[in-house]
Amino acid sequence: LKKSKGEAVKVLVSEAHAKTNVEKYGKSQGK
């Protein structure tokens, strides 16, 4: 996200806990 400069970021995860954490982080950044 830091290097994206507004570009979309697609994250692939296999762990449910990782999905939850990445989802929460993205939303906390206003995305």
All heavy atoms as atom14 arrays in JSON, in Angstrom:
{
  "sequence": "LKKSKGEAVKVLVSEAHAKTNVEKYGKSQGK",
  "atom14_mask": [
    [1, 1, 1, 1, 1, 1, 1, 1, 0, 0, 0, 0, 0, 0],
    [1, 1, 1, 1, 1, 1, 1, 1, 1, 0, 0, 0, 0, 0],
    [1, 1, 1, 1, 1, 1, 1, 1, 1, 0, 0, 0, 0, 0],
    [1, 1, 1, 1, 1, 1, 0, 0, 0, 0, 0, 0, 0, 0],
    [1, 1, 1, 1, 1, 1, 1, 1, 1, 0, 0, 0, 0, 0],
    [1, 1, 1, 1, 0, 0, 0, 0, 0, 0, 0, 0, 0, 0],
    [1, 1, 1, 1, 1, 1, 1, 1, 1, 0, 0, 0, 0, 0],
    [1, 1, 1, 1, 1, 0, 0, 0, 0, 0, 0, 0, 0, 0],
    [1, 1, 1, 1, 1, 1, 1, 0, 0, 0, 0, 0, 0, 0],
    [1, 1, 1, 1, 1, 1, 1, 1, 1, 0, 0, 0, 0, 0],
    [1, 1, 1, 1, 1, 1, 1, 0, 0, 0, 0, 0, 0, 0],
    [1, 1, 1, 1, 1, 1, 1, 1, 0, 0, 0, 0, 0, 0],
    [1, 1, 1, 1, 1, 1, 1, 0, 0, 0, 0, 0, 0, 0],
    [1, 1, 1, 1, 1, 1, 0, 0, 0, 0, 0, 0, 0, 0],
    [1, 1, 1, 1, 1, 1, 1, 1, 1, 0, 0, 0, 0, 0],
    [1, 1, 1, 1, 1, 0, 0, 0, 0, 0, 0, 0, 0, 0],
    [1, 1, 1, 1, 1, 1, 1, 1, 1, 1, 0, 0, 0, 0],
    [1, 1, 1, 1, 1, 0, 0, 0, 0, 0, 0, 0, 0, 0],
    [1, 1, 1, 1, 1, 1, 1, 1, 1, 0, 0, 0, 0, 0],
    [1, 1, 1, 1, 1, 1, 1, 0, 0, 0, 0, 0, 0, 0],
    [1, 1, 1, 1, 1, 1, 1, 1, 0, 0, 0, 0, 0, 0],
    [1, 1, 1, 1, 1, 1, 1, 0, 0, 0, 0, 0, 0, 0],
    [1, 1, 1, 1, 1, 1, 1, 1, 1, 0, 0, 0, 0, 0],
    [1, 1, 1, 1, 1, 1, 1, 1, 1, 0, 0, 0, 0, 0],
    [1, 1, 1, 1, 1, 1, 1, 1, 1, 1, 1, 1, 0, 0],
    [1, 1, 1, 1, 0, 0, 0, 0, 0, 0, 0, 0, 0, 0],
    [1, 1, 1, 1, 1, 1, 1, 1, 1, 0, 0, 0, 0, 0],
    [1, 1, 1, 1, 1, 1, 0, 0, 0, 0, 0, 0, 0, 0],
    [1, 1, 1, 1, 1, 1, 1, 1, 1, 0, 0, 0, 0, 0],
    [1, 1, 1, 1, 0, 0, 0, 0, 0, 0, 0, 0, 0, 0],
    [1, 1, 1, 1, 1, 1, 1, 1, 1, 0, 0, 0, 0, 0]
  ],
  "atom14_positions": [
    [[0.82, -1.21, 0.0], [0.0, 0.0, 0.0], [0.86, 1.26, 0.0], [0.51, 2.25, -0.64], [-0.96, 0.01, 1.19], [-2.19, -0.87, 1.05], [-2.98, -0.9, 2.36], [-3.08, -0.41, -0.08], [0.0, 0.0, 0.0], [0.0, 0.0, 0.0], [0.0, 0.0, 0.0], [0.0, 0.0, 0.0], [0.0, 0.0, 0.0], [0.0, 0.0, 0.0]],
    [[1.99, 1.22, 0.69], [2.88, 2.38, 0.73], [3.45, 2.69, -0.66], [3.59, 3.85, -1.03], [4.03, 2.15, 1.71], [3.62, 2.34, 3.14], [4.78, 2.14, 4.08], [4.31, 2.22, 5.52], [5.38, 1.93, 6.46], [0.0, 0.0, 0.0], [0.0, 0.0, 0.0], [0.0, 0.0, 0.0], [0.0, 0.0, 0.0], [0.0, 0.0, 0.0]],
    [[3.77, 1.65, -1.43], [4.37, 1.9, -2.74], [3.34, 1.94, -3.87], [3.68, 2.23, -5.01], [5.46, 0.87, -3.05], [4.99, -0.52, -3.35], [6.17, -1.4, -3.71], [5.68, -2.76, -4.2], [6.78, -3.62, -4.61], [0.0, 0.0, 0.0], [0.0, 0.0, 0.0], [0.0, 0.0, 0.0], [0.0, 0.0, 0.0], [0.0, 0.0, 0.0]],
    [[2.06, 1.73, -3.56], [1.03, 1.63, -4.59], [0.67, 2.97, -5.24], [0.2, 3.0, -6.36], [-0.24, 0.99, -4.04], [-0.9, 1.87, -3.15], [0.0, 0.0, 0.0], [0.0, 0.0, 0.0], [0.0, 0.0, 0.0], [0.0, 0.0, 0.0], [0.0, 0.0, 0.0], [0.0, 0.0, 0.0], [0.0, 0.0, 0.0], [0.0, 0.0, 0.0]],
    [[0.83, 4.07, -4.51], [0.49, 5.41, -5.03], [-0.92, 5.45, -5.62], [-1.13, 5.93, -6.73], [1.53, 5.86, -6.05], [2.89, 6.01, -5.43], [3.92, 6.47, -6.41], [5.22, 6.67, -5.66], [6.38, 6.25, -6.36], [0.0, 0.0, 0.0], [0.0, 0.0, 0.0], [0.0, 0.0, 0.0], [0.0, 0.0, 0.0], [0.0, 0.0, 0.0]],
    [[-1.89, 4.89, -4.88], [-3.28, 4.93, -5.31], [-3.7, 3.75, -6.19], [-4.87, 3.6, -6.51], [0.0, 0.0, 0.0], [0.0, 0.0, 0.0], [0.0, 0.0, 0.0], [0.0, 0.0, 0.0], [0.0, 0.0, 0.0], [0.0, 0.0, 0.0], [0.0, 0.0, 0.0], [0.0, 0.0, 0.0], [0.0, 0.0, 0.0], [0.0, 0.0, 0.0]],
    [[-2.75, 2.94, -6.59], [-3.03, 1.76, -7.41], [-3.71, 0.69, -6.55], [-3.44, 0.59, -5.35], [-1.68, 1.25, -7.93], [-1.74, 0.23, -9.02], [-0.34, -0.14, -9.51], [0.66, 0.42, -9.02], [-0.27, -1.0, -10.39], [0.0, 0.0, 0.0], [0.0, 0.0, 0.0], [0.0, 0.0, 0.0], [0.0, 0.0, 0.0], [0.0, 0.0, 0.0]],
    [[-4.55, -0.13, -7.15], [-5.22, -1.21, -6.42], [-4.2, -2.25, -5.98], [-3.21, -2.5, -6.66], [-6.29, -1.85, -7.28], [0.0, 0.0, 0.0], [0.0, 0.0, 0.0], [0.0, 0.0, 0.0], [0.0, 0.0, 0.0], [0.0, 0.0, 0.0], [0.0, 0.0, 0.0], [0.0, 0.0, 0.0], [0.0, 0.0, 0.0], [0.0, 0.0, 0.0]],
    [[-4.48, -2.87, -4.83], [-3.62, -3.93, -4.31], [-4.48, -5.17, -4.13], [-5.52, -5.12, -3.46], [-2.96, -3.52, -2.97], [-2.17, -4.68, -2.37], [-2.08, -2.3, -3.15], [0.0, 0.0, 0.0], [0.0, 0.0, 0.0], [0.0, 0.0, 0.0], [0.0, 0.0, 0.0], [0.0, 0.0, 0.0], [0.0, 0.0, 0.0], [0.0, 0.0, 0.0]],
    [[-4.03, -6.29, -4.71], [-4.73, -7.57, -4.54], [-3.85, -8.43, -3.64], [-2.67, -8.63, -3.92], [-4.91, -8.28, -5.87], [-5.62, -9.63, -5.76], [-5.5, -10.48, -7.0], [-6.3, -9.91, -8.13], [-6.34, -10.83, -9.3], [0.0, 0.0, 0.0], [0.0, 0.0, 0.0], [0.0, 0.0, 0.0], [0.0, 0.0, 0.0], [0.0, 0.0, 0.0]],
    [[-4.45, -8.92, -2.54], [-3.72, -9.74, -1.58], [-4.33, -11.14, -1.59], [-5.54, -11.29, -1.42], [-3.77, -9.15, -0.15], [-2.91, -9.96, 0.8], [-3.34, -7.68, -0.16], [0.0, 0.0, 0.0], [0.0, 0.0, 0.0], [0.0, 0.0, 0.0], [0.0, 0.0, 0.0], [0.0, 0.0, 0.0], [0.0, 0.0, 0.0], [0.0, 0.0, 0.0]],
    [[-3.49, -12.14, -1.77], [-3.94, -13.53, -1.76], [-3.48, -14.17, -0.46], [-2.28, -14.13, -0.13], [-3.33, -14.29, -2.95], [-3.56, -13.66, -4.32], [-2.73, -14.39, -5.38], [-5.03, -13.68, -4.68], [0.0, 0.0, 0.0], [0.0, 0.0, 0.0], [0.0, 0.0, 0.0], [0.0, 0.0, 0.0], [0.0, 0.0, 0.0], [0.0, 0.0, 0.0]],
    [[-4.41, -14.71, 0.31], [-4.09, -15.36, 1.59], [-4.81, -16.7, 1.69], [-5.86, -16.91, 1.07], [-4.45, -14.47, 2.81], [-3.65, -13.19, 2.81], [-5.93, -14.16, 2.87], [0.0, 0.0, 0.0], [0.0, 0.0, 0.0], [0.0, 0.0, 0.0], [0.0, 0.0, 0.0], [0.0, 0.0, 0.0], [0.0, 0.0, 0.0], [0.0, 0.0, 0.0]],
    [[-4.25, -17.58, 2.5], [-4.89, -18.89, 2.71], [-5.34, -19.07, 4.15], [-6.07, -20.0, 4.45], [-3.92, -20.01, 2.31], [-2.68, -19.86, 2.98], [0.0, 0.0, 0.0], [0.0, 0.0, 0.0], [0.0, 0.0, 0.0], [0.0, 0.0, 0.0], [0.0, 0.0, 0.0], [0.0, 0.0, 0.0], [0.0, 0.0, 0.0], [0.0, 0.0, 0.0]],
    [[-4.91, -18.2, 5.04], [-5.28, -18.29, 6.46], [-6.44, -17.35, 6.76], [-6.41, -16.17, 6.38], [-4.09, -17.9, 7.34], [-2.84, -18.74, 7.13], [-2.98, -20.13, 7.72], [-3.67, -20.27, 8.74], [-2.42, -21.07, 7.14], [0.0, 0.0, 0.0], [0.0, 0.0, 0.0], [0.0, 0.0, 0.0], [0.0, 0.0, 0.0], [0.0, 0.0, 0.0]],
    [[-7.47, -17.85, 7.47], [-8.63, -17.02, 7.8], [-8.24, -15.83, 8.68], [-8.76, -14.72, 8.49], [-9.68, -17.87, 8.52], [0.0, 0.0, 0.0], [0.0, 0.0, 0.0], [0.0, 0.0, 0.0], [0.0, 0.0, 0.0], [0.0, 0.0, 0.0], [0.0, 0.0, 0.0], [0.0, 0.0, 0.0], [0.0, 0.0, 0.0], [0.0, 0.0, 0.0]],
    [[-7.31, -16.04, 9.59], [-6.87, -14.96, 10.48], [-6.17, -13.86, 9.67], [-6.37, -12.67, 9.91], [-5.94, -15.52, 11.56], [-5.67, -14.58, 12.67], [-6.63, -14.22, 13.59], [-4.55, -13.9, 13.01], [-6.1, -13.36, 14.44], [-4.84, -13.15, 14.11], [0.0, 0.0, 0.0], [0.0, 0.0, 0.0], [0.0, 0.0, 0.0], [0.0, 0.0, 0.0]],
    [[-5.38, -14.25, 8.69], [-4.69, -13.27, 7.83], [-5.72, -12.47, 7.04], [-5.59, -11.26, 6.88], [-3.71, -13.97, 6.91], [0.0, 0.0, 0.0], [0.0, 0.0, 0.0], [0.0, 0.0, 0.0], [0.0, 0.0, 0.0], [0.0, 0.0, 0.0], [0.0, 0.0, 0.0], [0.0, 0.0, 0.0], [0.0, 0.0, 0.0], [0.0, 0.0, 0.0]],
    [[-6.76, -13.15, 6.54], [-7.82, -12.46, 5.79], [-8.45, -11.38, 6.65], [-8.6, -10.24, 6.23], [-8.89, -13.45, 5.33], [-10.09, -12.78, 4.67], [-11.29, -13.68, 4.57], [-12.04, -13.87, 5.83], [-13.0, -12.86, 6.23], [0.0, 0.0, 0.0], [0.0, 0.0, 0.0], [0.0, 0.0, 0.0], [0.0, 0.0, 0.0], [0.0, 0.0, 0.0]],
    [[-8.79, -11.74, 7.88], [-9.42, -10.78, 8.79], [-8.52, -9.59, 9.06], [-8.96, -8.44, 8.99], [-9.78, -11.48, 10.12], [-10.66, -12.58, 9.83], [-10.46, -10.53, 11.08], [0.0, 0.0, 0.0], [0.0, 0.0, 0.0], [0.0, 0.0, 0.0], [0.0, 0.0, 0.0], [0.0, 0.0, 0.0], [0.0, 0.0, 0.0], [0.0, 0.0, 0.0]],
    [[-7.24, -9.86, 9.34], [-6.31, -8.78, 9.65], [-6.06, -7.85, 8.47], [-6.04, -6.62, 8.63], [-4.98, -9.34, 10.16], [-5.09, -9.92, 11.54], [-6.04, -9.64, 12.27], [-4.14, -10.75, 11.92], [0.0, 0.0, 0.0], [0.0, 0.0, 0.0], [0.0, 0.0, 0.0], [0.0, 0.0, 0.0], [0.0, 0.0, 0.0], [0.0, 0.0, 0.0]],
    [[-5.88, -8.42, 7.28], [-5.64, -7.6, 6.09], [-6.89, -6.78, 5.75], [-6.8, -5.6, 5.41], [-5.2, -8.48, 4.89], [-5.18, -7.7, 3.59], [-3.83, -9.09, 5.16], [0.0, 0.0, 0.0], [0.0, 0.0, 0.0], [0.0, 0.0, 0.0], [0.0, 0.0, 0.0], [0.0, 0.0, 0.0], [0.0, 0.0, 0.0], [0.0, 0.0, 0.0]],
    [[-8.05, -7.39, 5.86], [-9.31, -6.69, 5.6], [-9.48, -5.5, 6.56], [-9.78, -4.38, 6.14], [-10.48, -7.66, 5.73], [-11.83, -7.05, 5.43], [-12.97, -8.06, 5.56], [-12.77, -9.17, 6.07], [-14.08, -7.7, 5.14], [0.0, 0.0, 0.0], [0.0, 0.0, 0.0], [0.0, 0.0, 0.0], [0.0, 0.0, 0.0], [0.0, 0.0, 0.0]],
    [[-9.27, -5.73, 7.84], [-9.4, -4.66, 8.84], [-8.38, -3.54, 8.57], [-8.7, -2.37, 8.69], [-9.18, -5.21, 10.26], [-10.35, -5.96, 10.81], [-10.03, -6.42, 12.23], [-11.15, -7.24, 12.81], [-10.83, -7.72, 14.17], [0.0, 0.0, 0.0], [0.0, 0.0, 0.0], [0.0, 0.0, 0.0], [0.0, 0.0, 0.0], [0.0, 0.0, 0.0]],
    [[-7.16, -3.93, 8.23], [-6.13, -2.92, 7.97], [-6.5, -2.04, 6.78], [-6.4, -0.82, 6.84], [-4.76, -3.58, 7.74], [-3.71, -2.55, 7.42], [-3.2, -1.73, 8.42], [-3.26, -2.36, 6.13], [-2.27, -0.75, 8.13], [-2.32, -1.4, 5.82], [-1.82, -0.6, 6.84], [-0.9, 0.38, 6.55], [0.0, 0.0, 0.0], [0.0, 0.0, 0.0]],
    [[-6.95, -2.68, 5.69], [-7.35, -1.91, 4.5], [-8.44, -0.91, 4.83], [-8.37, 0.26, 4.43], [0.0, 0.0, 0.0], [0.0, 0.0, 0.0], [0.0, 0.0, 0.0], [0.0, 0.0, 0.0], [0.0, 0.0, 0.0], [0.0, 0.0, 0.0], [0.0, 0.0, 0.0], [0.0, 0.0, 0.0], [0.0, 0.0, 0.0], [0.0, 0.0, 0.0]],
    [[-9.43, -1.33, 5.58], [-10.54, -0.44, 5.96], [-10.05, 0.67, 6.89], [-10.51, 1.8, 6.78], [-11.66, -1.24, 6.62], [-12.42, -2.11, 5.62], [-13.51, -2.93, 6.29], [-14.26, -3.77, 5.27], [-15.29, -4.6, 5.89], [0.0, 0.0, 0.0], [0.0, 0.0, 0.0], [0.0, 0.0, 0.0], [0.0, 0.0, 0.0], [0.0, 0.0, 0.0]],
    [[-9.1, 0.35, 7.76], [-8.59, 1.37, 8.68], [-7.8, 2.45, 7.94], [-7.62, 3.56, 8.45], [-7.7, 0.73, 9.75], [-6.42, 0.42, 9.25], [0.0, 0.0, 0.0], [0.0, 0.0, 0.0], [0.0, 0.0, 0.0], [0.0, 0.0, 0.0], [0.0, 0.0, 0.0], [0.0, 0.0, 0.0], [0.0, 0.0, 0.0], [0.0, 0.0, 0.0]],
    [[-7.37, 2.14, 6.73], [-6.64, 3.1, 5.91], [-7.57, 3.9, 5.0], [-7.11, 4.65, 4.13], [-5.58, 2.39, 5.07], [-4.52, 1.66, 5.89], [-3.81, 2.6, 6.84], [-3.18, 3.56, 6.43], [-3.92, 2.33, 8.14], [0.0, 0.0, 0.0], [0.0, 0.0, 0.0], [0.0, 0.0, 0.0], [0.0, 0.0, 0.0], [0.0, 0.0, 0.0]],
    [[-8.89, 3.7, 5.18], [-9.86, 4.43, 4.4], [-10.05, 3.89, 2.99], [-10.55, 4.59, 2.11], [0.0, 0.0, 0.0], [0.0, 0.0, 0.0], [0.0, 0.0, 0.0], [0.0, 0.0, 0.0], [0.0, 0.0, 0.0], [0.0, 0.0, 0.0], [0.0, 0.0, 0.0], [0.0, 0.0, 0.0], [0.0, 0.0, 0.0], [0.0, 0.0, 0.0]],
    [[-9.65, 2.65, 2.77], [-9.74, 2.04, 1.45], [-11.01, 1.2, 1.32], [-11.57, 0.73, 2.3], [-8.53, 1.12, 1.2], [-7.19, 1.79, 1.36], [-6.92, 2.75, 0.25], [-5.51, 3.3, 0.34], [-5.23, 4.27, -0.69], [0.0, 0.0, 0.0], [0.0, 0.0, 0.0], [0.0, 0.0, 0.0], [0.0, 0.0, 0.0], [0.0, 0.0, 0.0]]
  ]
}
